[in-house]
């Protein structure tokens, strides 16, 4: 093999090794980002569930106040 051919082989092997490392890093980065997005999704989902519970409780309180006011008004008549 000539020197030029050997140089091209070395450059090709080096390029493939670098690309393999970059692909591995990219795959790891995708899994890390996916994990973080799932954690954020869980936190947001929990906060939405807590908010809906508070809203349901607020509706119950408003209904109780409304019914109590209705009873008081009916007693005055």
N, C-alpha and C. Protein backbone atom coordinates (compact mmCIF):
# COMPACT_ATOMS: atom_id res chain seq x y z
N UNK A 1 0.85 -1.18 0.00
CA UNK A 1 0.00 0.00 0.00
C UNK A 1 0.89 1.24 0.00
N UNK A 2 0.42 2.23 -0.71
CA UNK A 2 1.19 3.46 -0.77
C UNK A 2 0.90 4.31 0.46
N UNK A 3 1.68 5.33 0.63
CA UNK A 3 1.50 6.22 1.78
C UNK A 3 0.17 6.94 1.74
N UNK A 4 -0.26 7.32 0.54
CA UNK A 4 -1.54 8.02 0.39
C UNK A 4 -2.70 7.11 0.75
N UNK A 5 -2.65 5.86 0.31
CA UNK A 5 -3.70 4.90 0.62
C UNK A 5 -3.76 4.64 2.12
N UNK A 6 -2.63 4.49 2.75
CA UNK A 6 -2.58 4.29 4.19
C UNK A 6 -3.15 5.49 4.93
N UNK A 7 -2.84 6.67 4.46
CA UNK A 7 -3.36 7.90 5.08
C UNK A 7 -4.88 7.93 4.99
N UNK A 8 -5.44 7.56 3.83
CA UNK A 8 -6.89 7.55 3.68
C UNK A 8 -7.54 6.52 4.60
N UNK A 9 -6.92 5.36 4.75
CA UNK A 9 -7.44 4.35 5.67
C UNK A 9 -7.42 4.87 7.11
N UNK A 10 -6.35 5.49 7.49
CA UNK A 10 -6.24 6.03 8.85
C UNK A 10 -7.29 7.12 9.07
N UNK A 11 -7.44 8.00 8.09
CA UNK A 11 -8.45 9.07 8.21
C UNK A 11 -9.85 8.45 8.27
N UNK A 12 -10.12 7.44 7.46
CA UNK A 12 -11.43 6.78 7.47
C UNK A 12 -11.73 6.11 8.79
N UNK A 13 -10.76 5.38 9.31
CA UNK A 13 -10.94 4.70 10.60
C UNK A 13 -11.13 5.72 11.72
N UNK A 14 -10.37 6.79 11.70
CA UNK A 14 -10.51 7.84 12.71
C UNK A 14 -11.89 8.48 12.62
N UNK A 15 -12.33 8.79 11.41
CA UNK A 15 -13.64 9.40 11.22
C UNK A 15 -14.74 8.48 11.72
N UNK A 16 -14.67 7.19 11.39
CA UNK A 16 -15.69 6.24 11.86
C UNK A 16 -15.68 6.12 13.38
N UNK A 17 -14.52 6.13 14.00
CA UNK A 17 -14.44 6.05 15.46
C UNK A 17 -15.06 7.28 16.10
N UNK A 18 -14.75 8.45 15.55
CA UNK A 18 -15.33 9.69 16.09
C UNK A 18 -16.84 9.69 15.91
N UNK A 19 -17.34 9.27 14.78
CA UNK A 19 -18.78 9.23 14.53
C UNK A 19 -19.48 8.23 15.46
N UNK A 20 -18.82 7.09 15.73
CA UNK A 20 -19.39 6.11 16.65
C UNK A 20 -19.52 6.70 18.05
N UNK A 21 -18.49 7.41 18.49
CA UNK A 21 -18.54 8.06 19.81
C UNK A 21 -19.64 9.12 19.82
N UNK A 22 -19.76 9.90 18.75
CA UNK A 22 -20.80 10.92 18.70
C UNK A 22 -22.20 10.32 18.71
N UNK A 23 -22.39 9.20 18.03
CA UNK A 23 -23.70 8.54 18.03
C UNK A 23 -24.03 8.03 19.44
N UNK A 24 -23.06 7.46 20.12
CA UNK A 24 -23.28 6.98 21.48
C UNK A 24 -23.63 8.14 22.40
N UNK A 25 -22.89 9.25 22.27
CA UNK A 25 -23.19 10.44 23.09
C UNK A 25 -24.58 10.96 22.78
N UNK A 26 -24.96 10.97 21.52
CA UNK A 26 -26.29 11.44 21.13
C UNK A 26 -27.39 10.56 21.73
N UNK A 27 -27.21 9.26 21.69
CA UNK A 27 -28.20 8.34 22.26
C UNK A 27 -28.33 8.55 23.77
N UNK A 28 -27.20 8.69 24.44
CA UNK A 28 -27.23 8.94 25.89
C UNK A 28 -27.93 10.26 26.18
N UNK A 29 -27.62 11.29 25.39
CA UNK A 29 -28.27 12.59 25.59
C UNK A 29 -29.78 12.49 25.40
N UNK A 30 -30.22 11.74 24.42
CA UNK A 30 -31.65 11.58 24.19
C UNK A 30 -32.32 10.92 25.40
N UNK A 31 -31.68 9.89 25.96
CA UNK A 31 -32.27 9.23 27.13
C UNK A 31 -32.28 10.15 28.35
N UNK A 32 -31.25 10.94 28.53
CA UNK A 32 -31.21 11.88 29.67
C UNK A 32 -32.30 12.93 29.51
N UNK A 33 -32.43 13.48 28.30
CA UNK A 33 -33.47 14.49 28.06
C UNK A 33 -34.86 13.88 28.24
N UNK A 34 -35.04 12.66 27.77
CA UNK A 34 -36.34 11.98 27.92
C UNK A 34 -36.67 11.79 29.39
N UNK A 35 -35.67 11.42 30.18
CA UNK A 35 -35.89 11.23 31.61
C UNK A 35 -36.30 12.54 32.28
N UNK A 36 -35.62 13.62 31.92
CA UNK A 36 -35.96 14.92 32.50
C UNK A 36 -37.36 15.38 32.09
N UNK A 37 -37.73 15.14 30.84
CA UNK A 37 -39.07 15.52 30.37
C UNK A 37 -40.12 14.70 31.10
N UNK A 38 -39.86 13.42 31.33
CA UNK A 38 -40.81 12.59 32.07
C UNK A 38 -40.97 13.07 33.50
N UNK A 39 -39.87 13.49 34.14
CA UNK A 39 -39.96 14.02 35.50
C UNK A 39 -40.78 15.30 35.53
N UNK A 40 -40.54 16.19 34.56
CA UNK A 40 -41.31 17.43 34.49
C UNK A 40 -42.78 17.12 34.24
N UNK A 41 -43.05 16.16 33.39
CA UNK A 41 -44.44 15.77 33.11
C UNK A 41 -45.12 15.25 34.38
N UNK A 42 -44.40 14.47 35.16
CA UNK A 42 -44.98 13.94 36.40
C UNK A 42 -45.29 15.06 37.38
N UNK A 43 -44.39 16.04 37.49
CA UNK A 43 -44.61 17.16 38.41
C UNK A 43 -45.82 17.99 37.95
N UNK A 44 -45.89 18.27 36.66
CA UNK A 44 -47.02 19.06 36.14
C UNK A 44 -48.32 18.29 36.31
N UNK A 45 -48.30 17.00 36.06
CA UNK A 45 -49.50 16.18 36.23
C UNK A 45 -49.96 16.18 37.68
N UNK A 46 -49.02 16.09 38.60
CA UNK A 46 -49.36 16.12 40.02
C UNK A 46 -49.97 17.47 40.41
N UNK A 47 -49.40 18.56 39.90
CA UNK A 47 -49.93 19.88 40.22
C UNK A 47 -51.32 20.07 39.64
N UNK A 48 -51.55 19.55 38.44
CA UNK A 48 -52.88 19.65 37.84
C UNK A 48 -53.89 18.85 38.66
N UNK A 49 -53.49 17.67 39.13
CA UNK A 49 -54.39 16.87 39.97
C UNK A 49 -54.69 17.59 41.28
N UNK A 50 -53.68 18.22 41.88
CA UNK A 50 -53.91 18.98 43.11
C UNK A 50 -54.84 20.15 42.85
N UNK A 51 -54.65 20.84 41.73
CA UNK A 51 -55.49 21.98 41.40
C UNK A 51 -56.93 21.54 41.17
N UNK A 52 -57.13 20.43 40.48
CA UNK A 52 -58.49 19.96 40.25
C UNK A 52 -59.16 19.56 41.57
N UNK A 53 -58.37 19.01 42.49
CA UNK A 53 -58.92 18.65 43.80
C UNK A 53 -59.35 19.92 44.54
N UNK A 54 -58.53 20.96 44.48
CA UNK A 54 -58.87 22.22 45.14
C UNK A 54 -60.12 22.82 44.50
N UNK A 55 -60.21 22.74 43.19
CA UNK A 55 -61.39 23.29 42.52
C UNK A 55 -62.65 22.52 42.89
N UNK A 56 -62.55 21.20 42.99
CA UNK A 56 -63.70 20.40 43.40
C UNK A 56 -64.11 20.77 44.82
N UNK A 57 -63.11 20.94 45.68
CA UNK A 57 -63.40 21.31 47.07
C UNK A 57 -64.04 22.69 47.13
N UNK A 58 -63.57 23.61 46.29
CA UNK A 58 -64.16 24.95 46.23
C UNK A 58 -65.60 24.88 45.78
N UNK A 59 -65.89 24.02 44.84
CA UNK A 59 -67.27 23.84 44.38
C UNK A 59 -68.16 23.30 45.47
N UNK A 60 -67.64 22.37 46.25
CA UNK A 60 -68.41 21.82 47.37
C UNK A 60 -68.70 22.91 48.40
N UNK A 61 -67.71 23.72 48.70
CA UNK A 61 -67.90 24.80 49.68
C UNK A 61 -68.91 25.81 49.16
N UNK A 62 -68.78 26.18 47.88
CA UNK A 62 -69.74 27.14 47.31
C UNK A 62 -71.15 26.57 47.32
N UNK A 63 -71.29 25.29 47.03
CA UNK A 63 -72.61 24.66 47.07
C UNK A 63 -73.19 24.66 48.46
N UNK A 64 -72.37 24.39 49.45
CA UNK A 64 -72.83 24.41 50.84
C UNK A 64 -73.26 25.81 51.25
N UNK A 65 -72.47 26.81 50.89
CA UNK A 65 -72.81 28.20 51.22
C UNK A 65 -74.12 28.58 50.53
N UNK A 66 -74.26 28.19 49.28
CA UNK A 66 -75.48 28.51 48.54
C UNK A 66 -76.69 27.86 49.20
N UNK A 67 -76.57 26.58 49.55
CA UNK A 67 -77.70 25.89 50.17
C UNK A 67 -78.03 26.47 51.54
N UNK A 68 -77.01 26.82 52.30
CA UNK A 68 -77.25 27.43 53.62
C UNK A 68 -77.94 28.77 53.46
N UNK A 69 -77.49 29.57 52.53
CA UNK A 69 -78.13 30.87 52.29
C UNK A 69 -79.57 30.70 51.84
N UNK A 70 -79.81 29.70 51.04
CA UNK A 70 -81.17 29.43 50.56
C UNK A 70 -82.07 29.05 51.74
N UNK A 71 -81.54 28.23 52.65
CA UNK A 71 -82.33 27.81 53.82
C UNK A 71 -82.63 29.00 54.72
N UNK A 72 -81.63 29.87 54.89
CA UNK A 72 -81.83 31.05 55.74
C UNK A 72 -82.89 31.96 55.13
N UNK A 73 -82.83 32.18 53.81
CA UNK A 73 -83.81 33.03 53.16
C UNK A 73 -85.21 32.42 53.24
N UNK A 74 -85.31 31.10 53.13
CA UNK A 74 -86.62 30.45 53.20
C UNK A 74 -87.19 30.54 54.62
N UNK A 75 -86.34 30.53 55.65
CA UNK A 75 -86.82 30.63 57.04
C UNK A 75 -87.36 32.02 57.33
N UNK A 76 -86.79 33.04 56.68
CA UNK A 76 -87.22 34.42 56.93
C UNK A 76 -88.61 34.69 56.35
N UNK A 77 -89.01 33.95 55.36
CA UNK A 77 -90.31 34.19 54.69
C UNK A 77 -91.44 33.70 55.48
